[in-house]
Structure formats: C-alpha cells, structure tokens
Amino acid sequence: QVQVVESGGGSVQAGGSLRLSCVFSGYIRANYCMSWFRQEPGQRREGVANIDSDGTTTYVESVKGRFTISKDNTKNTLYLQMNNLKPEDTGMYLCATGRCNGAASSWSWGQGTQVTVSS
C-alpha cells in the first residue's frame, strides 16, 4: 500500500499563494494518475487537478489559470502551486494516486492539509 503525506497548507489572505506538497512512499505503478482534491465539512469532495503518467494535466474550471499541478518522479512528490487564492478555495486539500480509471476507493489517499483563505 502506498503511503501519502501532504504538507504546505496554511492561512493566507485573498490574492496570496501557497504551494502544497505530497510525498508518496511505496511502489507506484508507472501508469498511475496523481490528483489533488479538496473538501469542506459537509460538502462533496471536489477534484481540483490531475496529472497523468505522461504529464497531461487537467483542472477544474474554477482554478484554471491560478493553480498548477506538477510532479517530481525522482522524489515521488506531487505539487500544487496555488496563486491568486480566493476565499472559495478554502478547504481540506487531499492528494491521491491510483489507476486512472479506477474507483476512488481503490486509490491511496493522504490525510489532507488545510487551506484557509480570508477576504
């Protein structure tokens, strides 16, 4: 089982930036996807950004142009650079990895890192 640990969250004012990191330990298949999700209490988990094994990236519409997902395969680390943050970006950010077409329940998940954006 892959272990996943996120870091880099914090509290910032609107317009600020944060860089989240996610370290994976264990065996990760070369064809796996890696993703960032966010969730607020009582709300549905939302996919924020995904990066395929070939480096193709996708984003939810609300973060396009502001967030950038990247990975360093040599360090087994996934990043999410978040610029021009807005209060609606507030939430627990979780990263995960698994088969790209696999069910979320089959993926390996971290515990999350909290991001709070104040207006």
C-alpha atoms as a PDB file:
ATOM      1  CA  GLN A   1       0.000   0.000   0.000  1.00  0.00           C
ATOM      2  CA  VAL A   2       1.236   3.461  -0.885  1.00  0.00           C
ATOM      3  CA  GLN A   3       1.633   5.931   1.973  1.00  0.00           C
ATOM      4  CA  VAL A   4       0.657   9.513   1.209  1.00  0.00           C
ATOM      5  CA  VAL A   5       1.562  12.612   3.226  1.00  0.00           C
ATOM      6  CA  GLU A   6       0.508  16.152   2.317  1.00  0.00           C
ATOM      7  CA  SER A   7       2.024  19.394   3.599  1.00  0.00           C
ATOM      8  CA  GLY A   8       2.138  23.097   2.833  1.00  0.00           C
ATOM      9  CA  GLY A   9      -1.312  24.241   3.842  1.00  0.00           C
ATOM     10  CA  GLY A  10      -1.940  27.349   5.894  1.00  0.00           C
ATOM     11  CA  SER A  11      -3.884  30.561   6.236  1.00  0.00           C
ATOM     12  CA  VAL A  12      -3.476  33.332   3.690  1.00  0.00           C
ATOM     13  CA  GLN A  13      -5.310  36.415   2.555  1.00  0.00           C
ATOM     14  CA  ALA A  14      -7.102  36.555  -0.749  1.00  0.00           C
ATOM     15  CA  GLY A  15      -4.636  37.085  -3.563  1.00  0.00           C
ATOM     16  CA  GLY A  16      -1.907  35.183  -1.785  1.00  0.00           C
ATOM     17  CA  SER A  17      -0.126  31.979  -2.773  1.00  0.00           C
ATOM     18  CA  LEU A  18       0.605  28.577  -1.290  1.00  0.00           C
ATOM     19  CA  ARG A  19       2.483  25.553  -2.536  1.00  0.00           C
ATOM     20  CA  LEU A  20       1.235  22.168  -1.430  1.00  0.00           C
ATOM     21  CA  SER A  21       3.427  19.083  -1.482  1.00  0.00           C
ATOM     22  CA  CYS A  22       2.516  15.411  -1.367  1.00  0.00           C
ATOM     23  CA  VAL A  23       5.087  12.692  -0.783  1.00  0.00           C
ATOM     24  CA  PHE A  24       4.351   9.121  -1.790  1.00  0.00           C
ATOM     25  CA  SER A  25       6.182   6.165  -0.311  1.00  0.00           C
ATOM     26  CA  GLY A  26       5.904   2.646  -1.581  1.00  0.00           C
ATOM     27  CA  TYR A  27       5.529   1.238  -5.046  1.00  0.00           C
ATOM     28  CA  ILE A  28       3.690   3.449  -7.527  1.00  0.00           C
ATOM     29  CA  ARG A  29       2.885   1.991 -10.893  1.00  0.00           C
ATOM     30  CA  ALA A  30       4.199   3.973 -13.820  1.00  0.00           C
ATOM     31  CA  ASN A  31       0.735   4.299 -15.377  1.00  0.00           C
ATOM     32  CA  TYR A  32      -0.963   5.748 -12.307  1.00  0.00           C
ATOM     33  CA  CYS A  33      -2.617   9.151 -12.109  1.00  0.00           C
ATOM     34  CA  MET A  34      -1.994  11.617  -9.293  1.00  0.00           C
ATOM     35  CA  SER A  35      -4.582  14.130  -8.206  1.00  0.00           C
ATOM     36  CA  TRP A  36      -5.443  16.882  -5.766  1.00  0.00           C
ATOM     37  CA  PHE A  37      -8.908  17.089  -4.263  1.00  0.00           C
ATOM     38  CA  ARG A  38     -10.494  19.475  -1.793  1.00  0.00           C
ATOM     39  CA  GLN A  39     -13.349  19.146   0.621  1.00  0.00           C
ATOM     40  CA  GLU A  40     -15.116  21.312   3.157  1.00  0.00           C
ATOM     41  CA  PRO A  41     -17.079  19.870   6.075  1.00  0.00           C
ATOM     42  CA  GLY A  42     -20.470  18.630   4.957  1.00  0.00           C
ATOM     43  CA  GLN A  43     -19.701  19.140   1.306  1.00  0.00           C
ATOM     44  CA  ARG A  44     -18.850  16.801  -1.515  1.00  0.00           C
ATOM     45  CA  ARG A  45     -15.205  16.169  -2.318  1.00  0.00           C
ATOM     46  CA  GLU A  46     -14.124  18.008  -5.461  1.00  0.00           C
ATOM     47  CA  GLY A  47     -11.371  17.097  -7.863  1.00  0.00           C
ATOM     48  CA  VAL A  48      -9.090  20.091  -8.313  1.00  0.00           C
ATOM     49  CA  ALA A  49      -6.257  18.933 -10.561  1.00  0.00           C
ATOM     50  CA  ASN A  50      -4.934  15.738 -12.064  1.00  0.00           C
ATOM     51  CA  ILE A  51      -1.715  14.717 -13.771  1.00  0.00           C
ATOM     52  CA  ASP A  52      -1.432  11.584 -15.864  1.00  0.00           C
ATOM     53  CA  SER A  53       1.616   9.367 -16.136  1.00  0.00           C
ATOM     54  CA  ASP A  54       2.566  11.121 -19.387  1.00  0.00           C
ATOM     55  CA  GLY A  55       2.350  14.542 -17.757  1.00  0.00           C
ATOM     56  CA  THR A  56      -1.018  15.590 -19.146  1.00  0.00           C
ATOM     57  CA  THR A  57      -2.771  17.906 -16.694  1.00  0.00           C
ATOM     58  CA  THR A  58      -6.420  18.750 -16.151  1.00  0.00           C
ATOM     59  CA  TYR A  59      -8.056  21.242 -13.805  1.00  0.00           C
ATOM     60  CA  VAL A  60     -11.478  22.066 -12.504  1.00  0.00           C
ATOM     61  CA  GLU A  61     -12.714  25.206 -14.244  1.00  0.00           C
ATOM     62  CA  SER A  62     -12.623  27.360 -11.108  1.00  0.00           C
ATOM     63  CA  VAL A  63      -8.843  27.062 -10.688  1.00  0.00           C
ATOM     64  CA  LYS A  64      -7.674  27.229 -14.291  1.00  0.00           C
ATOM     65  CA  GLY A  65      -5.010  29.886 -14.749  1.00  0.00           C
ATOM     66  CA  ARG A  66      -4.360  30.072 -10.998  1.00  0.00           C
ATOM     67  CA  PHE A  67      -3.269  26.563  -9.926  1.00  0.00           C
ATOM     68  CA  THR A  68      -0.523  24.404 -11.396  1.00  0.00           C
ATOM     69  CA  ILE A  69      -0.067  20.700 -10.681  1.00  0.00           C
ATOM     70  CA  SER A  70       3.346  19.135 -11.183  1.00  0.00           C
ATOM     71  CA  LYS A  71       5.327  16.138 -10.034  1.00  0.00           C
ATOM     72  CA  ASP A  72       8.910  15.106  -9.446  1.00  0.00           C
ATOM     73  CA  ASN A  73       9.193  11.400 -10.137  1.00  0.00           C
ATOM     74  CA  THR A  74      12.705  11.273  -8.701  1.00  0.00           C
ATOM     75  CA  LYS A  75      11.334  12.417  -5.338  1.00  0.00           C
ATOM     76  CA  ASN A  76       7.936  10.681  -5.559  1.00  0.00           C
ATOM     77  CA  THR A  77       6.438  14.088  -4.859  1.00  0.00           C
ATOM     78  CA  LEU A  78       3.379  15.827  -6.208  1.00  0.00           C
ATOM     79  CA  TYR A  79       2.928  19.599  -6.008  1.00  0.00           C
ATOM     80  CA  LEU A  80       0.106  22.082  -6.303  1.00  0.00           C
ATOM     81  CA  GLN A  81       1.117  25.701  -6.783  1.00  0.00           C
ATOM     82  CA  MET A  82      -1.837  27.904  -5.896  1.00  0.00           C
ATOM     83  CA  ASN A  83      -1.737  31.585  -6.864  1.00  0.00           C
ATOM     84  CA  ASN A  84      -4.289  34.374  -6.546  1.00  0.00           C
ATOM     85  CA  LEU A  85      -6.146  32.415  -3.902  1.00  0.00           C
ATOM     86  CA  LYS A  86      -9.791  33.190  -3.251  1.00  0.00           C
ATOM     87  CA  PRO A  87     -11.938  32.575  -0.154  1.00  0.00           C
ATOM     88  CA  GLU A  88     -13.821  29.880  -2.069  1.00  0.00           C
ATOM     89  CA  ASP A  89     -10.559  27.926  -2.344  1.00  0.00           C
ATOM     90  CA  THR A  90     -10.763  27.236   1.388  1.00  0.00           C
ATOM     91  CA  GLY A  91     -10.878  23.567   2.277  1.00  0.00           C
ATOM     92  CA  MET A  92      -9.007  20.439   3.203  1.00  0.00           C
ATOM     93  CA  TYR A  93      -6.737  19.528   0.313  1.00  0.00           C
ATOM     94  CA  LEU A  94      -6.013  15.853  -0.195  1.00  0.00           C
ATOM     95  CA  CYS A  95      -3.812  14.130  -2.709  1.00  0.00           C
ATOM     96  CA  ALA A  96      -4.224  10.639  -4.033  1.00  0.00           C
ATOM     97  CA  THR A  97      -2.816   8.219  -6.555  1.00  0.00           C
ATOM     98  CA  GLY A  98      -4.233   5.208  -8.322  1.00  0.00           C
ATOM     99  CA  ARG A  99      -5.284   3.703 -11.592  1.00  0.00           C
ATOM    100  CA  CYS A 100      -6.576   6.475 -13.783  1.00  0.00           C
ATOM    101  CA  ASN A 101      -9.856   4.724 -14.468  1.00  0.00           C
ATOM    102  CA  GLY A 102     -10.092   3.104 -11.070  1.00  0.00           C
ATOM    103  CA  ALA A 103     -12.651   3.856  -8.396  1.00  0.00           C
ATOM    104  CA  ALA A 104     -11.696   6.436  -5.793  1.00  0.00           C
ATOM    105  CA  SER A 105     -11.979   3.752  -3.129  1.00  0.00           C
ATOM    106  CA  SER A 106      -9.114   1.866  -4.776  1.00  0.00           C
ATOM    107  CA  TRP A 107      -6.773   4.840  -4.688  1.00  0.00           C
ATOM    108  CA  SER A 108      -4.238   5.635  -1.963  1.00  0.00           C
ATOM    109  CA  TRP A 109      -5.146   8.795  -0.044  1.00  0.00           C
ATOM    110  CA  GLY A 110      -3.452  11.154   2.364  1.00  0.00           C
ATOM    111  CA  GLN A 111      -4.985  12.765   5.438  1.00  0.00           C
ATOM    112  CA  GLY A 112      -5.037  16.217   3.896  1.00  0.00           C
ATOM    113  CA  THR A 113      -3.666  19.672   4.601  1.00  0.00           C
ATOM    114  CA  GLN A 114      -5.923  22.612   5.468  1.00  0.00           C
ATOM    115  CA  VAL A 115      -6.013  25.733   3.327  1.00  0.00           C
ATOM    116  CA  THR A 116      -7.855  28.786   4.629  1.00  0.00           C
ATOM    117  CA  VAL A 117      -8.207  31.928   2.543  1.00  0.00           C
ATOM    118  CA  SER A 118      -9.583  35.059   4.166  1.00  0.00           C
ATOM    119  CA  SER A 119     -11.067  38.022   2.354  1.00  0.00           C
END
